[in-house]
Amino acid sequence: MHADEEQPDPIALQKAAEELGREWSTLRDWPARYKARKLGQVGRVVFYDFWDLSTIDAMKNLGLRILPTPEERDEWRWARKGLRFAAA
């Protein structure tokens, strides 16, 4: 992750599903299937990095192959972030 990139944003899968407009059942497999970045656990609730989950969602929406690691997805997201600002 780049030094000036956003900080991890902890979120439970249920809340992430709401934020992304997806069913919880869609997201429940992402941690195992795509190795989503796990940030911690409080009791039975596991928290993942919303930036990583939203990147997985974006790649799926674009029909792209999901990159295998959170670090590679960070790089992919970082590269596109520069494009958004350059186009403005």
PDB file of N, CA and C in Angstrom:
ATOM      1  N   MET A   1       0.857  -1.180   0.000  1.00  0.00           N
ATOM      2  CA  MET A   1       0.000   0.000   0.000  1.00  0.00           C
ATOM      3  C   MET A   1       0.898   1.236   0.000  1.00  0.00           C
ATOM      4  N   HIS A   2       0.522   2.199  -0.756  1.00  0.00           N
ATOM      5  CA  HIS A   2       1.295   3.434  -0.844  1.00  0.00           C
ATOM      6  C   HIS A   2       1.126   4.250   0.430  1.00  0.00           C
ATOM      7  N   ALA A   3       2.168   4.983   0.781  1.00  0.00           N
ATOM      8  CA  ALA A   3       2.163   5.752   2.028  1.00  0.00           C
ATOM      9  C   ALA A   3       1.033   6.782   2.067  1.00  0.00           C
ATOM     10  N   ASP A   4       0.715   7.375   0.917  1.00  0.00           N
ATOM     11  CA  ASP A   4      -0.322   8.404   0.907  1.00  0.00           C
ATOM     12  C   ASP A   4      -1.699   7.847   0.520  1.00  0.00           C
ATOM     13  N   GLU A   5      -1.815   6.526   0.449  1.00  0.00           N
ATOM     14  CA  GLU A   5      -3.102   5.918   0.128  1.00  0.00           C
ATOM     15  C   GLU A   5      -3.979   5.852   1.361  1.00  0.00           C
ATOM     16  N   GLU A   6      -5.262   5.642   1.135  1.00  0.00           N
ATOM     17  CA  GLU A   6      -6.220   5.578   2.218  1.00  0.00           C
ATOM     18  C   GLU A   6      -5.848   4.513   3.236  1.00  0.00           C
ATOM     19  N   GLN A   7      -6.223   4.763   4.461  1.00  0.00           N
ATOM     20  CA  GLN A   7      -6.003   3.797   5.543  1.00  0.00           C
ATOM     21  C   GLN A   7      -7.046   2.685   5.428  1.00  0.00           C
ATOM     22  N   PRO A   8      -6.715   1.496   5.944  1.00  0.00           N
ATOM     23  CA  PRO A   8      -7.723   0.421   5.931  1.00  0.00           C
ATOM     24  C   PRO A   8      -9.005   0.888   6.630  1.00  0.00           C
ATOM     25  N   ASP A   9     -10.124   0.459   6.107  1.00  0.00           N
ATOM     26  CA  ASP A   9     -11.431   0.858   6.618  1.00  0.00           C
ATOM     27  C   ASP A   9     -12.159  -0.400   7.084  1.00  0.00           C
ATOM     28  N   PRO A  10     -12.107  -0.712   8.394  1.00  0.00           N
ATOM     29  CA  PRO A  10     -12.709  -1.955   8.882  1.00  0.00           C
ATOM     30  C   PRO A  10     -14.228  -1.962   8.723  1.00  0.00           C
ATOM     31  N   ILE A  11     -14.728  -3.107   8.234  1.00  0.00           N
ATOM     32  CA  ILE A  11     -16.170  -3.253   8.049  1.00  0.00           C
ATOM     33  C   ILE A  11     -16.532  -4.738   8.124  1.00  0.00           C
ATOM     34  N   ALA A  12     -17.681  -5.018   8.707  1.00  0.00           N
ATOM     35  CA  ALA A  12     -18.196  -6.386   8.747  1.00  0.00           C
ATOM     36  C   ALA A  12     -18.833  -6.697   7.390  1.00  0.00           C
ATOM     37  N   LEU A  13     -18.873  -7.967   7.025  1.00  0.00           N
ATOM     38  CA  LEU A  13     -19.405  -8.342   5.714  1.00  0.00           C
ATOM     39  C   LEU A  13     -20.851  -7.901   5.513  1.00  0.00           C
ATOM     40  N   GLN A  14     -21.664  -8.000   6.538  1.00  0.00           N
ATOM     41  CA  GLN A  14     -23.069  -7.595   6.412  1.00  0.00           C
ATOM     42  C   GLN A  14     -23.172  -6.118   6.017  1.00  0.00           C
ATOM     43  N   LYS A  15     -22.424  -5.265   6.694  1.00  0.00           N
ATOM     44  CA  LYS A  15     -22.436  -3.826   6.398  1.00  0.00           C
ATOM     45  C   LYS A  15     -21.820  -3.552   5.026  1.00  0.00           C
ATOM     46  N   ALA A  16     -20.752  -4.279   4.684  1.00  0.00           N
ATOM     47  CA  ALA A  16     -20.127  -4.105   3.369  1.00  0.00           C
ATOM     48  C   ALA A  16     -21.109  -4.445   2.259  1.00  0.00           C
ATOM     49  N   ALA A  17     -21.878  -5.506   2.452  1.00  0.00           N
ATOM     50  CA  ALA A  17     -22.875  -5.889   1.455  1.00  0.00           C
ATOM     51  C   ALA A  17     -23.889  -4.762   1.260  1.00  0.00           C
ATOM     52  N   GLU A  18     -24.335  -4.167   2.352  1.00  0.00           N
ATOM     53  CA  GLU A  18     -25.273  -3.042   2.261  1.00  0.00           C
ATOM     54  C   GLU A  18     -24.645  -1.874   1.501  1.00  0.00           C
ATOM     55  N   GLU A  19     -23.404  -1.538   1.850  1.00  0.00           N
ATOM     56  CA  GLU A  19     -22.712  -0.410   1.219  1.00  0.00           C
ATOM     57  C   GLU A  19     -22.511  -0.627  -0.287  1.00  0.00           C
ATOM     58  N   LEU A  20     -22.250  -1.884  -0.668  1.00  0.00           N
ATOM     59  CA  LEU A  20     -21.987  -2.199  -2.073  1.00  0.00           C
ATOM     60  C   LEU A  20     -23.260  -2.536  -2.852  1.00  0.00           C
ATOM     61  N   GLY A  21     -24.390  -2.585  -2.157  1.00  0.00           N
ATOM     62  CA  GLY A  21     -25.641  -2.911  -2.827  1.00  0.00           C
ATOM     63  C   GLY A  21     -25.719  -4.364  -3.274  1.00  0.00           C
ATOM     64  N   ARG A  22     -25.093  -5.241  -2.500  1.00  0.00           N
ATOM     65  CA  ARG A  22     -25.060  -6.673  -2.817  1.00  0.00           C
ATOM     66  C   ARG A  22     -25.735  -7.453  -1.696  1.00  0.00           C
ATOM     67  N   GLU A  23     -26.102  -8.678  -1.993  1.00  0.00           N
ATOM     68  CA  GLU A  23     -26.614  -9.573  -0.974  1.00  0.00           C
ATOM     69  C   GLU A  23     -25.451 -10.052  -0.114  1.00  0.00           C
ATOM     70  N   TRP A  24     -25.725 -10.240   1.186  1.00  0.00           N
ATOM     71  CA  TRP A  24     -24.691 -10.742   2.075  1.00  0.00           C
ATOM     72  C   TRP A  24     -24.170 -12.081   1.581  1.00  0.00           C
ATOM     73  N   SER A  25     -25.044 -12.915   1.049  1.00  0.00           N
ATOM     74  CA  SER A  25     -24.639 -14.238   0.581  1.00  0.00           C
ATOM     75  C   SER A  25     -23.624 -14.154  -0.557  1.00  0.00           C
ATOM     76  N   THR A  26     -23.605 -13.057  -1.289  1.00  0.00           N
ATOM     77  CA  THR A  26     -22.612 -12.857  -2.349  1.00  0.00           C
ATOM     78  C   THR A  26     -21.234 -12.618  -1.747  1.00  0.00           C
ATOM     79  N   LEU A  27     -21.170 -11.785  -0.712  1.00  0.00           N
ATOM     80  CA  LEU A  27     -19.891 -11.421  -0.115  1.00  0.00           C
ATOM     81  C   LEU A  27     -19.316 -12.474   0.823  1.00  0.00           C
ATOM     82  N   ARG A  28     -20.137 -13.349   1.351  1.00  0.00           N
ATOM     83  CA  ARG A  28     -19.647 -14.267   2.382  1.00  0.00           C
ATOM     84  C   ARG A  28     -18.530 -15.180   1.899  1.00  0.00           C
ATOM     85  N   ASP A  29     -18.448 -15.440   0.592  1.00  0.00           N
ATOM     86  CA  ASP A  29     -17.400 -16.303   0.061  1.00  0.00           C
ATOM     87  C   ASP A  29     -16.132 -15.546  -0.331  1.00  0.00           C
ATOM     88  N   TRP A  30     -16.208 -14.236  -0.424  1.00  0.00           N
ATOM     89  CA  TRP A  30     -15.062 -13.466  -0.889  1.00  0.00           C
ATOM     90  C   TRP A  30     -13.813 -13.607  -0.022  1.00  0.00           C
ATOM     91  N   PRO A  31     -13.934 -13.634   1.321  1.00  0.00           N
ATOM     92  CA  PRO A  31     -12.705 -13.782   2.123  1.00  0.00           C
ATOM     93  C   PRO A  31     -11.926 -15.049   1.772  1.00  0.00           C
ATOM     94  N   ALA A  32     -12.599 -16.154   1.584  1.00  0.00           N
ATOM     95  CA  ALA A  32     -11.904 -17.400   1.248  1.00  0.00           C
ATOM     96  C   ALA A  32     -11.513 -17.431  -0.232  1.00  0.00           C
ATOM     97  N   ARG A  33     -12.434 -17.054  -1.100  1.00  0.00           N
ATOM     98  CA  ARG A  33     -12.196 -17.150  -2.544  1.00  0.00           C
ATOM     99  C   ARG A  33     -11.124 -16.172  -3.017  1.00  0.00           C
ATOM    100  N   TYR A  34     -11.160 -14.936  -2.523  1.00  0.00           N
ATOM    101  CA  TYR A  34     -10.256 -13.894  -3.014  1.00  0.00           C
ATOM    102  C   TYR A  34      -9.225 -13.444  -1.980  1.00  0.00           C
ATOM    103  N   LYS A  35      -9.211 -14.095  -0.835  1.00  0.00           N
ATOM    104  CA  LYS A  35      -8.281 -13.745   0.246  1.00  0.00           C
ATOM    105  C   LYS A  35      -8.386 -12.264   0.619  1.00  0.00           C
ATOM    106  N   ALA A  36      -9.622 -11.822   0.855  1.00  0.00           N
ATOM    107  CA  ALA A  36      -9.861 -10.427   1.239  1.00  0.00           C
ATOM    108  C   ALA A  36      -9.090 -10.108   2.518  1.00  0.00           C
ATOM    109  N   ARG A  37      -8.619  -8.880   2.609  1.00  0.00           N
ATOM    110  CA  ARG A  37      -7.794  -8.462   3.747  1.00  0.00           C
ATOM    111  C   ARG A  37      -8.611  -8.442   5.032  1.00  0.00           C
ATOM    112  N   LYS A  38      -8.242  -9.331   5.950  1.00  0.00           N
ATOM    113  CA  LYS A  38      -8.891  -9.401   7.261  1.00  0.00           C
ATOM    114  C   LYS A  38      -8.154  -8.463   8.207  1.00  0.00           C
ATOM    115  N   LEU A  39      -8.918  -7.618   8.898  1.00  0.00           N
ATOM    116  CA  LEU A  39      -8.310  -6.648   9.808  1.00  0.00           C
ATOM    117  C   LEU A  39      -8.404  -7.053  11.267  1.00  0.00           C
ATOM    118  N   GLY A  40      -9.369  -7.871  11.609  1.00  0.00           N
ATOM    119  CA  GLY A  40      -9.503  -8.283  12.996  1.00  0.00           C
ATOM    120  C   GLY A  40     -10.850  -8.913  13.265  1.00  0.00           C
ATOM    121  N   GLN A  41     -11.037  -9.245  14.527  1.00  0.00           N
ATOM    122  CA  GLN A  41     -12.266  -9.903  14.934  1.00  0.00           C
ATOM    123  C   GLN A  41     -12.637  -9.441  16.326  1.00  0.00           C
ATOM    124  N   VAL A  42     -13.926  -9.184  16.538  1.00  0.00           N
ATOM    125  CA  VAL A  42     -14.464  -8.844  17.852  1.00  0.00           C
ATOM    126  C   VAL A  42     -15.588  -9.840  18.106  1.00  0.00           C
ATOM    127  N   GLY A  43     -15.363 -10.733  19.046  1.00  0.00           N
ATOM    128  CA  GLY A  43     -16.336 -11.797  19.276  1.00  0.00           C
ATOM    129  C   GLY A  43     -16.435 -12.661  18.037  1.00  0.00           C
ATOM    130  N   ARG A  44     -17.647 -12.802  17.525  1.00  0.00           N
ATOM    131  CA  ARG A  44     -17.853 -13.600  16.320  1.00  0.00           C
ATOM    132  C   ARG A  44     -17.852 -12.771  15.044  1.00  0.00           C
ATOM    133  N   VAL A  45     -17.746 -11.457  15.172  1.00  0.00           N
ATOM    134  CA  VAL A  45     -17.787 -10.575  13.996  1.00  0.00           C
ATOM    135  C   VAL A  45     -16.370 -10.336  13.476  1.00  0.00           C
ATOM    136  N   VAL A  46     -16.165 -10.675  12.211  1.00  0.00           N
ATOM    137  CA  VAL A  46     -14.866 -10.487  11.557  1.00  0.00           C
ATOM    138  C   VAL A  46     -14.940  -9.205  10.734  1.00  0.00           C
ATOM    139  N   PHE A  47     -13.873  -8.418  10.811  1.00  0.00           N
ATOM    140  CA  PHE A  47     -13.809  -7.154  10.079  1.00  0.00           C
ATOM    141  C   PHE A  47     -12.785  -7.256   8.954  1.00  0.00           C
ATOM    142  N   TYR A  48     -13.210  -6.802   7.783  1.00  0.00           N
ATOM    143  CA  TYR A  48     -12.374  -6.804   6.581  1.00  0.00           C
ATOM    144  C   TYR A  48     -12.154  -5.374   6.133  1.00  0.00           C
ATOM    145  N   ASP A  49     -11.173  -5.172   5.273  1.00  0.00           N
ATOM    146  CA  ASP A  49     -10.883  -3.850   4.740  1.00  0.00           C
ATOM    147  C   ASP A  49     -11.893  -3.525   3.638  1.00  0.00           C
ATOM    148  N   PHE A  50     -12.687  -2.484   3.863  1.00  0.00           N
ATOM    149  CA  PHE A  50     -13.698  -2.107   2.878  1.00  0.00           C
ATOM    150  C   PHE A  50     -13.072  -1.753   1.536  1.00  0.00           C
ATOM    151  N   TRP A  51     -11.885  -1.144   1.535  1.00  0.00           N
ATOM    152  CA  TRP A  51     -11.231  -0.777   0.272  1.00  0.00           C
ATOM    153  C   TRP A  51     -10.947  -2.025  -0.553  1.00  0.00           C
ATOM    154  N   ASP A  52     -10.499  -3.094   0.115  1.00  0.00           N
ATOM    155  CA  ASP A  52     -10.215  -4.332  -0.601  1.00  0.00           C
ATOM    156  C   ASP A  52     -11.501  -4.955  -1.124  1.00  0.00           C
ATOM    157  N   LEU A  53     -12.539  -5.010  -0.287  1.00  0.00           N
ATOM    158  CA  LEU A  53     -13.821  -5.570  -0.729  1.00  0.00           C
ATOM    159  C   LEU A  53     -14.407  -4.761  -1.886  1.00  0.00           C
ATOM    160  N   SER A  54     -14.311  -3.445  -1.818  1.00  0.00           N
ATOM    161  CA  SER A  54     -14.865  -2.618  -2.892  1.00  0.00           C
ATOM    162  C   SER A  54     -14.057  -2.765  -4.181  1.00  0.00           C
ATOM    163  N   THR A  55     -12.764  -3.042  -4.052  1.00  0.00           N
ATOM    164  CA  THR A  55     -11.942  -3.283  -5.242  1.00  0.00           C
ATOM    165  C   THR A  55     -12.327  -4.603  -5.890  1.00  0.00           C
ATOM    166  N   ILE A  56     -12.543  -5.630  -5.081  1.00  0.00           N
ATOM    167  CA  ILE A  56     -13.012  -6.913  -5.609  1.00  0.00           C
ATOM    168  C   ILE A  56     -14.333  -6.698  -6.344  1.00  0.00           C
ATOM    169  N   ASP A  57     -15.233  -5.945  -5.737  1.00  0.00           N
ATOM    170  CA  ASP A  57     -16.530  -5.663  -6.351  1.00  0.00           C
ATOM    171  C   ASP A  57     -16.353  -4.929  -7.680  1.00  0.00           C
ATOM    172  N   ALA A  58     -15.481  -3.941  -7.715  1.00  0.00           N
ATOM    173  CA  ALA A  58     -15.247  -3.180  -8.943  1.00  0.00           C
ATOM    174  C   ALA A  58     -14.696  -4.072 -10.047  1.00  0.00           C
ATOM    175  N   MET A  59     -13.742  -4.923  -9.705  1.00  0.00           N
ATOM    176  CA  MET A  59     -13.147  -5.815 -10.702  1.00  0.00           C
ATOM    177  C   MET A  59     -14.198  -6.786 -11.236  1.00  0.00           C
ATOM    178  N   LYS A  60     -15.071  -7.277 -10.360  1.00  0.00           N
ATOM    179  CA  LYS A  60     -16.150  -8.168 -10.803  1.00  0.00           C
ATOM    180  C   LYS A  60     -17.102  -7.414 -11.736  1.00  0.00           C
ATOM    181  N   ASN A  61     -17.459  -6.194 -11.372  1.00  0.00           N
ATOM    182  CA  ASN A  61     -18.372  -5.388 -12.195  1.00  0.00           C
ATOM    183  C   ASN A  61     -17.785  -5.095 -13.570  1.00  0.00           C
ATOM    184  N   LEU A  62     -16.468  -4.937 -13.629  1.00  0.00           N
ATOM    185  CA  LEU A  62     -15.796  -4.648 -14.897  1.00  0.00           C
ATOM    186  C   LEU A  62     -15.492  -5.917 -15.704  1.00  0.00           C
ATOM    187  N   GLY A  63     -15.792  -7.076 -15.129  1.00  0.00           N
ATOM    188  CA  GLY A  63     -15.532  -8.341 -15.821  1.00  0.00           C
ATOM    189  C   GLY A  63     -14.067  -8.718 -15.857  1.00  0.00           C
ATOM    190  N   LEU A  64     -13.301  -8.190 -14.908  1.00  0.00           N
ATOM    191  CA  LEU A  64     -11.865  -8.470 -14.853  1.00  0.00           C
ATOM    192  C   LEU A  64     -11.574  -9.674 -13.961  1.00  0.00           C
ATOM    193  N   ARG A  65     -10.422 -10.287 -14.193  1.00  0.00           N
ATOM    194  CA  ARG A  65      -9.953 -11.349 -13.316  1.00  0.00           C
ATOM    195  C   ARG A  65      -9.598 -10.707 -11.986  1.00  0.00           C
ATOM    196  N   ILE A  66     -10.043 -11.305 -10.889  1.00  0.00           N
ATOM    197  CA  ILE A  66      -9.752 -10.763  -9.565  1.00  0.00           C
ATOM    198  C   ILE A  66      -8.302 -11.072  -9.238  1.00  0.00           C
ATOM    199  N   LEU A  67      -7.534 -10.049  -8.949  1.00  0.00           N
ATOM    200  CA  LEU A  67      -6.128 -10.252  -8.597  1.00  0.00           C
ATOM    201  C   LEU A  67      -6.038 -11.058  -7.306  1.00  0.00           C
ATOM    202  N   PRO A  68      -5.025 -11.930  -7.178  1.00  0.00           N
ATOM    203  CA  PRO A  68      -4.998 -12.908  -6.093  1.00  0.00           C
ATOM    204  C   PRO A  68      -4.649 -12.405  -4.701  1.00  0.00           C
ATOM    205  N   THR A  69      -4.063 -11.227  -4.571  1.00  0.00           N
ATOM    206  CA  THR A  69      -3.689 -10.756  -3.235  1.00  0.00           C
ATOM    207  C   THR A  69      -4.212  -9.345  -2.987  1.00  0.00           C
ATOM    208  N   PRO A  70      -4.435  -9.010  -1.716  1.00  0.00           N
ATOM    209  CA  PRO A  70      -4.856  -7.637  -1.393  1.00  0.00           C
ATOM    210  C   PRO A  70      -3.829  -6.603  -1.863  1.00  0.00           C
ATOM    211  N   GLU A  71      -2.553  -6.945  -1.786  1.00  0.00           N
ATOM    212  CA  GLU A  71      -1.503  -6.004  -2.197  1.00  0.00           C
ATOM    213  C   GLU A  71      -1.581  -5.711  -3.695  1.00  0.00           C
ATOM    214  N   GLU A  72      -1.835  -6.727  -4.502  1.00  0.00           N
ATOM    215  CA  GLU A  72      -1.979  -6.509  -5.943  1.00  0.00           C
ATOM    216  C   GLU A  72      -3.231  -5.683  -6.238  1.00  0.00           C
ATOM    217  N   ARG A  73      -4.283  -5.931  -5.492  1.00  0.00           N
ATOM    218  CA  ARG A  73      -5.508  -5.130  -5.677  1.00  0.00           C
ATOM    219  C   ARG A  73      -5.273  -3.683  -5.246  1.00  0.00           C
ATOM    220  N   ASP A  74      -4.474  -3.481  -4.186  1.00  0.00           N
ATOM    221  CA  ASP A  74      -4.113  -2.117  -3.783  1.00  0.00           C
ATOM    222  C   ASP A  74      -3.412  -1.399  -4.926  1.00  0.00           C
ATOM    223  N   GLU A  75      -2.465  -2.070  -5.565  1.00  0.00           N
ATOM    224  CA  GLU A  75      -1.720  -1.468  -6.681  1.00  0.00           C
ATOM    225  C   GLU A  75      -2.652  -1.149  -7.847  1.00  0.00           C
ATOM    226  N   TRP A  76      -3.562  -2.071  -8.144  1.00  0.00           N
ATOM    227  CA  TRP A  76      -4.531  -1.860  -9.227  1.00  0.00           C
ATOM    228  C   TRP A  76      -5.399  -0.640  -8.926  1.00  0.00           C
ATOM    229  N   ARG A  77      -5.895  -0.568  -7.689  1.00  0.00           N
ATOM    230  CA  ARG A  77      -6.741   0.552  -7.287  1.00  0.00           C
ATOM    231  C   ARG A  77      -5.940   1.854  -7.329  1.00  0.00           C
ATOM    232  N   TRP A  78      -4.709   1.824  -6.856  1.00  0.00           N
ATOM    233  CA  TRP A  78      -3.859   3.005  -6.839  1.00  0.00           C
ATOM    234  C   TRP A  78      -3.630   3.533  -8.265  1.00  0.00           C
ATOM    235  N   ALA A  79      -3.388   2.622  -9.199  1.00  0.00           N
ATOM    236  CA  ALA A  79      -3.149   3.029 -10.585  1.00  0.00           C
ATOM    237  C   ALA A  79      -4.385   3.700 -11.178  1.00  0.00           C
ATOM    238  N   ARG A  80      -5.565   3.211 -10.861  1.00  0.00           N
ATOM    239  CA  ARG A  80      -6.789   3.807 -11.384  1.00  0.00           C
ATOM    240  C   ARG A  80      -7.126   5.116 -10.687  1.00  0.00           C
ATOM    241  N   LYS A  81      -6.724   5.259  -9.455  1.00  0.00           N
ATOM    242  CA  LYS A  81      -6.979   6.498  -8.726  1.00  0.00           C
ATOM    243  C   LYS A  81      -6.280   7.658  -9.424  1.00  0.00           C
ATOM    244  N   GLY A  82      -5.074   7.433  -9.880  1.00  0.00           N
ATOM    245  CA  GLY A  82      -4.345   8.465 -10.615  1.00  0.00           C
ATOM    246  C   GLY A  82      -5.043   8.851 -11.905  1.00  0.00           C
ATOM    247  N   LEU A  83      -5.664   7.882 -12.569  1.00  0.00           N
ATOM    248  CA  LEU A  83      -6.378   8.166 -13.812  1.00  0.00           C
ATOM    249  C   LEU A  83      -7.586   9.048 -13.579  1.00  0.00           C
ATOM    250  N   ARG A  84      -8.285   8.831 -12.475  1.00  0.00           N
ATOM    251  CA  ARG A  84      -9.466   9.661 -12.160  1.00  0.00           C
ATOM    252  C   ARG A  84      -9.070  11.114 -11.990  1.00  0.00           C
ATOM    253  N   PHE A  85      -7.959  11.339 -11.282  1.00  0.00           N
ATOM    254  CA  PHE A  85      -7.544  12.722 -11.046  1.00  0.00           C
ATOM    255  C   PHE A  85      -6.961  13.358 -12.285  1.00  0.00           C
ATOM    256  N   ALA A  86      -6.314  12.570 -13.131  1.00  0.00           N
ATOM    257  CA  ALA A  86      -5.711  13.109 -14.361  1.00  0.00           C
ATOM    258  C   ALA A  86      -6.802  13.535 -15.340  1.00  0.00           C
ATOM    259  N   ALA A  87      -7.934  12.838 -15.325  1.00  0.00           N
ATOM    260  CA  ALA A  87      -9.015  13.156 -16.265  1.00  0.00           C
ATOM    261  C   ALA A  87      -9.812  14.379 -15.849  1.00  0.00           C
ATOM    262  N   ALA A  88      -9.716  14.757 -14.589  1.00  0.00           N
ATOM    263  CA  ALA A  88     -10.517  15.873 -14.084  1.00  0.00           C
ATOM    264  C   ALA A  88     -10.001  17.217 -14.537  1.00  0.00           C
TER     265      ALA A  88
END
